[in-house]
Amino acid sequence: MSNQSDAVPDLLRSSSSDSKSARIPAFSEFSWIWIGLILLFAVSSVVAPGTMTRGSILAMLPFAGILAIVATGQTLVIQQRGLDMSAIGMVSLAGVVMARTGLGLDSIVLAVILTVCVGAIVGIVNGTLVSQFAITPLVATLAVNALLIGGVRSLTGAVPVNVPTIMQTISHAQFIGLPANVLFAFAFVITAWFITRKTAIGRRFVAVGVNPRAAQAAGVRVLQYRIGAYVASAVCFSAAGMLLAGFIGSASQTSGNDYLLPAIAAVVVGGTPFTGGKGSVIASAVAALFMAQLSQLVLALGAGPAVQLLVQACAILLATTVRYLPAAIRTFRKSS
């Protein structure tokens, strides 16, 4: 085990030195989103002051928190060079399972535990399909998503399911002036950040994402970490689904429709690359807040759904451009 622990830092240093000339300073990797968020709030206060009132912000934050939880799970998968397209189905299924079992068992604690277990099983299926059977993540998770949506339709009969009152109370609660959903999101993000950045497990997790073959040669159990990323992702989706259902007051097959592309957009805007390894769940969470406020701003300006999608696309393009702009400038200077 000691050899394994010693080999991982060597692997990371080797990967870092190999790409040293192409690396971008840390500030441009994950910190630009903070500047973007400040600028967005500044623009919002000028062009749509109504979106910056206390009531508007408190109305936006619960959904931003839910999106941040989904983005956290998506970030972990993308760090393993994967992609989890089953977010829609998992968010919807989690809300339905929690609602049905919570009312049937008359215990929200058992309902939450059962829902998390269902999510973990879905994550294992996704991870196994991708890692063991070498199915492309996009194809594997889309197939699982279709199965999940079908399961939700069978459970609900296409009719929304009422959520236990206690879950609605939890989702609508406020502590220290912040919605409970934001505090739950904070807990998920900090936990994921601590594990990936401050523990030996996290260092090995990053090493697997950087170079799976080299990590395996160093004695790291690559399969466990790759499947574990999908399990963590599905658990995040499950938590988001339960909180969303509690906040809305019902669960249905369409509950998760708005939490796939915006979550992936948050990961991209936050600066996590699809090449694996490096990533920041904190930056993804901040980007989730950015995306939520951006959507609220666009709605306040009277734009329709098509314009909202266009604005999201422009935000992703701008974030990607800004992220690689410093490296492009350095390369241009060297060549000239």
Protein backbone atom coordinates (compact mmCIF):
# COMPACT_ATOMS: atom_id res chain seq x y z
CA MET A 1 0.00 0.00 0.00
CA SER A 2 2.88 2.37 0.75
CA ASN A 3 4.33 1.77 -2.71
CA GLN A 4 0.95 2.63 -4.19
CA SER A 5 0.73 5.86 -2.21
CA ASP A 6 4.27 6.86 -3.16
CA ALA A 7 3.70 6.12 -6.84
CA VAL A 8 0.66 8.35 -7.21
CA PRO A 9 2.42 11.65 -6.45
CA ASP A 10 5.20 10.60 -8.84
CA LEU A 11 2.60 9.96 -11.52
CA LEU A 12 0.98 13.34 -10.97
CA ARG A 13 4.34 15.13 -11.02
CA SER A 14 5.29 13.31 -14.20
CA SER A 15 2.04 14.26 -15.90
CA SER A 16 2.46 17.83 -14.68
CA SER A 17 6.01 18.15 -15.98
CA ASP A 18 5.10 16.64 -19.36
CA SER A 19 2.41 19.26 -19.91
CA LYS A 20 4.15 22.12 -18.10
CA SER A 21 4.62 24.16 -21.21
CA ALA A 22 0.95 23.87 -22.14
CA ARG A 23 -0.49 24.42 -18.67
CA ILE A 24 -2.49 27.48 -17.84
CA PRO A 25 -1.96 29.33 -14.56
CA ALA A 26 -4.28 28.20 -11.78
CA PHE A 27 -6.08 31.55 -11.82
CA SER A 28 -7.23 31.10 -15.39
CA GLU A 29 -8.30 27.51 -14.83
CA PHE A 30 -10.91 27.71 -12.11
CA SER A 31 -10.96 31.29 -10.84
CA TRP A 32 -12.31 33.12 -13.87
CA ILE A 33 -15.80 32.00 -12.93
CA TRP A 34 -15.65 34.20 -9.82
CA ILE A 35 -14.95 37.25 -11.97
CA GLY A 36 -17.71 36.20 -14.36
CA LEU A 37 -20.17 35.84 -11.48
CA ILE A 38 -19.35 39.30 -10.12
CA LEU A 39 -19.72 40.83 -13.59
CA LEU A 40 -23.03 39.03 -14.11
CA PHE A 41 -24.43 40.38 -10.86
CA ALA A 42 -23.20 43.87 -11.82
CA VAL A 43 -24.88 43.66 -15.22
CA SER A 44 -28.07 42.29 -13.65
CA SER A 45 -28.26 45.20 -11.22
CA VAL A 46 -28.16 47.62 -14.17
CA VAL A 47 -30.29 46.00 -16.88
CA ALA A 48 -32.70 44.07 -14.63
CA PRO A 49 -32.62 45.45 -11.08
CA GLY A 50 -35.59 43.29 -10.15
CA THR A 51 -33.41 40.17 -10.30
CA MET A 52 -31.13 41.56 -7.58
CA THR A 53 -33.77 42.10 -4.92
CA ARG A 54 -33.68 39.93 -1.83
CA GLY A 55 -36.86 38.14 -2.85
CA SER A 56 -35.58 37.33 -6.34
CA ILE A 57 -32.26 36.04 -5.05
CA LEU A 58 -33.92 33.87 -2.40
CA ALA A 59 -36.23 32.48 -5.09
CA MET A 60 -33.27 31.66 -7.34
CA LEU A 61 -30.89 30.18 -4.75
CA PRO A 62 -32.79 26.91 -4.03
CA PHE A 63 -32.67 25.93 -7.69
CA ALA A 64 -29.05 27.05 -7.94
CA GLY A 65 -28.25 24.79 -4.98
CA ILE A 66 -29.92 21.80 -6.62
CA LEU A 67 -28.05 22.50 -9.86
CA ALA A 68 -24.79 22.76 -7.90
CA ILE A 69 -25.34 19.28 -6.43
CA VAL A 70 -25.96 17.81 -9.90
CA ALA A 71 -22.92 19.67 -11.26
CA THR A 72 -20.79 18.26 -8.43
CA GLY A 73 -21.65 14.70 -9.46
CA GLN A 74 -21.10 15.51 -13.12
CA THR A 75 -17.70 17.05 -12.32
CA LEU A 76 -16.50 13.86 -10.61
CA VAL A 77 -17.46 11.77 -13.63
CA ILE A 78 -15.88 14.18 -16.10
CA GLN A 79 -12.68 14.06 -14.04
CA GLN A 80 -12.62 10.36 -14.93
CA ARG A 81 -12.99 11.20 -18.64
CA GLY A 82 -16.62 10.18 -18.55
CA LEU A 83 -20.05 11.77 -18.90
CA ASP A 84 -23.27 10.91 -17.10
CA MET A 85 -26.33 11.50 -19.28
CA SER A 86 -28.65 9.69 -16.86
CA ALA A 87 -29.14 12.83 -14.73
CA ILE A 88 -32.66 13.43 -16.06
CA GLY A 89 -33.85 9.93 -15.25
CA MET A 90 -32.05 9.74 -11.90
CA VAL A 91 -33.34 13.09 -10.64
CA SER A 92 -36.89 12.12 -11.64
CA LEU A 93 -36.65 8.58 -10.25
CA ALA A 94 -35.19 9.77 -6.95
CA GLY A 95 -38.09 12.13 -6.39
CA VAL A 96 -40.65 9.44 -7.16
CA VAL A 97 -38.98 6.74 -5.04
CA MET A 98 -38.63 9.11 -2.10
CA ALA A 99 -42.25 10.24 -2.40
CA ARG A 100 -43.69 6.73 -2.77
CA THR A 101 -41.60 5.10 -0.03
CA GLY A 102 -41.91 8.09 2.28
CA LEU A 103 -45.70 7.88 2.16
CA GLY A 104 -45.76 4.07 2.14
CA LEU A 105 -43.32 3.51 5.00
CA ASP A 106 -44.33 6.67 6.87
CA SER A 107 -40.63 7.40 7.45
CA ILE A 108 -38.68 10.01 5.52
CA VAL A 109 -35.39 8.66 6.88
CA LEU A 110 -35.99 5.20 5.44
CA ALA A 111 -37.21 6.78 2.21
CA VAL A 112 -34.01 8.82 1.86
CA ILE A 113 -31.80 5.81 2.62
CA LEU A 114 -33.65 3.63 0.10
CA THR A 115 -33.48 6.35 -2.56
CA VAL A 116 -29.73 6.79 -2.06
CA CYS A 117 -29.27 3.00 -2.34
CA VAL A 118 -31.23 2.99 -5.60
CA GLY A 119 -29.00 5.78 -6.87
CA ALA A 120 -25.86 3.87 -5.88
CA ILE A 121 -27.09 0.80 -7.78
CA VAL A 122 -27.71 2.93 -10.88
CA GLY A 123 -24.21 4.35 -10.52
CA ILE A 124 -22.71 0.88 -10.33
CA VAL A 125 -24.57 -0.10 -13.49
CA ASN A 126 -23.34 3.01 -15.32
CA GLY A 127 -19.78 2.55 -14.11
CA THR A 128 -19.71 -1.14 -14.98
CA LEU A 129 -21.04 -0.55 -18.49
CA VAL A 130 -18.42 2.11 -19.11
CA SER A 131 -15.43 0.55 -17.34
CA GLN A 132 -15.93 -3.19 -17.67
CA PHE A 133 -17.69 -3.41 -21.01
CA ALA A 134 -15.90 -0.41 -22.57
CA ILE A 135 -19.15 1.15 -23.79
CA THR A 136 -18.86 4.84 -24.63
CA PRO A 137 -20.11 6.86 -21.62
CA LEU A 138 -22.52 8.84 -23.78
CA VAL A 139 -24.17 5.67 -25.13
CA ALA A 140 -24.16 3.72 -21.86
CA THR A 141 -25.63 6.47 -19.69
CA LEU A 142 -28.19 7.49 -22.31
CA ALA A 143 -29.41 3.87 -22.40
CA VAL A 144 -29.63 3.77 -18.61
CA ASN A 145 -31.43 7.12 -18.65
CA ALA A 146 -34.05 5.68 -21.01
CA LEU A 147 -34.57 2.76 -18.62
CA LEU A 148 -34.93 5.13 -15.68
CA ILE A 149 -37.50 7.28 -17.46
CA GLY A 150 -39.41 4.13 -18.35
CA GLY A 151 -39.30 3.05 -14.72
CA VAL A 152 -40.62 6.42 -13.57
CA ARG A 153 -43.50 6.22 -16.04
CA SER A 154 -44.37 2.74 -14.76
CA LEU A 155 -44.31 3.89 -11.14
CA THR A 156 -46.35 7.02 -11.67
CA GLY A 157 -48.56 6.24 -14.65
CA ALA A 158 -47.51 9.67 -15.99
CA VAL A 159 -49.28 11.29 -13.01
CA PRO A 160 -47.28 13.46 -10.54
CA VAL A 161 -46.79 11.94 -7.08
CA ASN A 162 -47.29 14.01 -3.94
CA VAL A 163 -44.27 14.40 -1.68
CA PRO A 164 -44.43 13.85 2.10
CA THR A 165 -45.03 17.10 3.99
CA ILE A 166 -41.86 16.73 6.06
CA MET A 167 -39.72 16.69 2.90
CA GLN A 168 -41.46 19.80 1.65
CA THR A 169 -40.75 21.46 5.00
CA ILE A 170 -37.06 20.52 4.79
CA SER A 171 -36.69 21.81 1.23
CA HIS A 172 -38.40 25.11 2.03
CA ALA A 173 -36.60 25.66 5.33
CA GLN A 174 -34.11 28.47 5.87
CA PHE A 175 -31.10 28.56 8.18
CA ILE A 176 -28.99 31.64 8.94
CA GLY A 177 -30.94 33.43 6.23
CA LEU A 178 -30.11 30.91 3.49
CA PRO A 179 -32.40 28.30 1.88
CA ALA A 180 -31.77 24.76 3.11
CA ASN A 181 -31.06 23.61 -0.44
CA VAL A 182 -28.06 25.95 -0.57
CA LEU A 183 -26.69 24.53 2.68
CA PHE A 184 -27.15 20.98 1.41
CA ALA A 185 -25.30 21.96 -1.75
CA PHE A 186 -22.52 23.51 0.33
CA ALA A 187 -22.19 20.24 2.28
CA PHE A 188 -21.96 18.16 -0.91
CA VAL A 189 -19.45 20.49 -2.55
CA ILE A 190 -17.18 20.78 0.48
CA THR A 191 -17.25 17.03 1.07
CA ALA A 192 -16.34 16.31 -2.56
CA TRP A 193 -13.63 18.99 -2.49
CA PHE A 194 -12.09 17.65 0.71
CA ILE A 195 -12.04 14.05 -0.50
CA THR A 196 -10.58 14.85 -3.93
CA ARG A 197 -8.06 17.45 -2.76
CA LYS A 198 -7.03 16.52 0.78
CA THR A 199 -6.99 12.72 0.97
CA ALA A 200 -4.92 9.88 -0.46
CA ILE A 201 -8.07 8.52 -2.09
CA GLY A 202 -8.52 11.85 -3.84
CA ARG A 203 -4.93 11.89 -5.11
CA ARG A 204 -5.37 8.42 -6.56
CA PHE A 205 -8.73 9.50 -8.02
CA VAL A 206 -7.04 12.38 -9.83
CA ALA A 207 -4.20 10.11 -10.97
CA VAL A 208 -6.67 7.71 -12.56
CA GLY A 209 -8.31 10.59 -14.41
CA VAL A 210 -4.97 11.95 -15.62
CA ASN A 211 -3.66 8.64 -16.98
CA PRO A 212 -5.53 5.40 -16.22
CA ARG A 213 -2.82 3.14 -17.65
CA ALA A 214 -0.03 4.80 -15.69
CA ALA A 215 -2.16 4.72 -12.54
CA GLN A 216 -2.84 1.02 -12.97
CA ALA A 217 0.86 0.39 -13.53
CA ALA A 218 1.50 2.24 -10.26
CA GLY A 219 -0.79 -0.19 -8.45
CA VAL A 220 -3.94 1.93 -8.29
CA ARG A 221 -7.21 0.03 -8.61
CA VAL A 222 -8.48 1.97 -11.59
CA LEU A 223 -11.78 0.09 -11.95
CA GLN A 224 -12.90 0.96 -8.42
CA TYR A 225 -12.27 4.66 -8.90
CA ARG A 226 -13.97 4.84 -12.28
CA ILE A 227 -17.07 3.01 -11.04
CA GLY A 228 -16.93 5.00 -7.81
CA ALA A 229 -17.17 8.24 -9.78
CA TYR A 230 -20.46 7.11 -11.34
CA VAL A 231 -21.75 5.97 -7.95
CA ALA A 232 -20.94 9.38 -6.44
CA SER A 233 -22.57 11.06 -9.42
CA ALA A 234 -25.77 9.05 -9.09
CA VAL A 235 -25.92 9.74 -5.34
CA CYS A 236 -25.62 13.46 -6.06
CA PHE A 237 -28.40 13.19 -8.63
CA SER A 238 -30.53 11.32 -6.09
CA ALA A 239 -30.06 14.02 -3.45
CA ALA A 240 -30.89 16.71 -5.99
CA GLY A 241 -34.01 14.82 -7.07
CA MET A 242 -35.28 14.50 -3.51
CA LEU A 243 -34.67 18.17 -2.72
CA LEU A 244 -36.29 19.26 -5.99
CA ALA A 245 -39.37 17.11 -5.39
CA GLY A 246 -39.66 18.47 -1.86
CA PHE A 247 -39.35 22.04 -3.05
CA ILE A 248 -41.90 21.65 -5.84
CA GLY A 249 -44.21 19.47 -3.75
CA SER A 250 -44.51 16.67 -6.31
CA ALA A 251 -42.41 14.25 -8.33
CA SER A 252 -42.90 13.32 -11.98
CA GLN A 253 -41.13 11.93 -15.02
CA THR A 254 -40.26 15.45 -16.20
CA SER A 255 -38.74 16.69 -12.94
CA GLY A 256 -35.16 16.23 -14.08
CA ASN A 257 -35.51 17.73 -17.56
CA ASP A 258 -33.82 21.00 -16.60
CA TYR A 259 -30.83 19.45 -14.83
CA LEU A 260 -28.75 17.78 -17.52
CA LEU A 261 -27.47 20.36 -19.99
CA PRO A 262 -27.27 23.21 -17.42
CA ALA A 263 -25.21 20.96 -15.13
CA ILE A 264 -22.80 20.05 -17.93
CA ALA A 265 -22.66 23.73 -18.86
CA ALA A 266 -21.80 24.57 -15.25
CA VAL A 267 -18.92 22.08 -15.30
CA VAL A 268 -17.57 23.54 -18.55
CA VAL A 269 -18.02 27.15 -17.44
CA GLY A 270 -16.35 26.25 -14.14
CA GLY A 271 -13.24 25.19 -16.05
CA THR A 272 -13.14 21.40 -15.60
CA PRO A 273 -11.71 19.91 -18.83
CA PHE A 274 -13.13 16.79 -20.48
CA THR A 275 -9.60 15.41 -20.74
CA GLY A 276 -9.87 14.11 -17.19
CA GLY A 277 -7.90 14.42 -13.98
CA LYS A 278 -8.02 18.07 -13.07
CA GLY A 279 -11.25 19.64 -11.96
CA SER A 280 -12.88 21.80 -9.31
CA VAL A 281 -16.23 21.02 -7.72
CA ILE A 282 -16.16 24.47 -6.10
CA ALA A 283 -15.78 26.17 -9.48
CA SER A 284 -18.62 24.01 -10.86
CA ALA A 285 -20.85 25.03 -7.94
CA VAL A 286 -20.07 28.71 -8.49
CA ALA A 287 -20.78 28.20 -12.19
CA ALA A 288 -24.14 26.64 -11.24
CA LEU A 289 -24.99 29.87 -9.43
CA PHE A 290 -23.80 31.76 -12.51
CA MET A 291 -26.06 29.70 -14.79
CA ALA A 292 -29.07 30.12 -12.46
CA GLN A 293 -28.66 33.88 -12.29
CA LEU A 294 -28.08 34.06 -16.04
CA SER A 295 -31.35 32.19 -16.66
CA GLN A 296 -33.18 34.51 -14.29
CA LEU A 297 -31.73 37.55 -16.04
CA VAL A 298 -32.74 36.28 -19.47
CA LEU A 299 -36.26 35.54 -18.23
CA ALA A 300 -36.52 39.00 -16.67
CA LEU A 301 -35.65 40.51 -20.05
CA GLY A 302 -38.57 38.64 -21.61
CA ALA A 303 -36.57 36.17 -23.72
CA GLY A 304 -38.05 32.85 -24.73
CA PRO A 305 -36.65 29.33 -24.32
CA ALA A 306 -34.76 29.49 -27.62
CA VAL A 307 -32.93 32.64 -26.55
CA GLN A 308 -32.14 31.06 -23.18
CA LEU A 309 -30.43 28.14 -24.91
CA LEU A 310 -28.54 30.56 -27.15
CA VAL A 311 -27.34 32.53 -24.14
CA GLN A 312 -26.20 29.33 -22.41
CA ALA A 313 -24.29 28.32 -25.54
CA CYS A 314 -22.61 31.73 -25.69
CA ALA A 315 -21.69 31.47 -22.00
CA ILE A 316 -20.03 28.08 -22.60
CA LEU A 317 -18.17 29.40 -25.65
CA LEU A 318 -17.00 32.49 -23.77
CA ALA A 319 -15.88 30.46 -20.76
CA THR A 320 -13.93 28.07 -22.94
CA THR A 321 -12.31 30.93 -24.83
CA VAL A 322 -11.30 32.76 -21.65
CA ARG A 323 -9.92 29.57 -20.15
CA TYR A 324 -7.51 28.95 -23.02
CA LEU A 325 -6.80 32.58 -23.91
CA PRO A 326 -3.72 32.96 -21.63
CA ALA A 327 -2.12 29.83 -23.07
CA ALA A 328 -2.85 31.02 -26.60
CA ILE A 329 -1.27 34.39 -25.85
CA ARG A 330 1.86 32.74 -24.43
CA THR A 331 2.13 30.45 -27.42
CA PHE A 332 1.76 33.41 -29.80
CA ARG A 333 4.45 35.37 -27.97
CA LYS A 334 6.87 32.44 -28.08
CA SER A 335 6.29 31.90 -31.79
CA SER A 336 6.83 35.57 -32.56
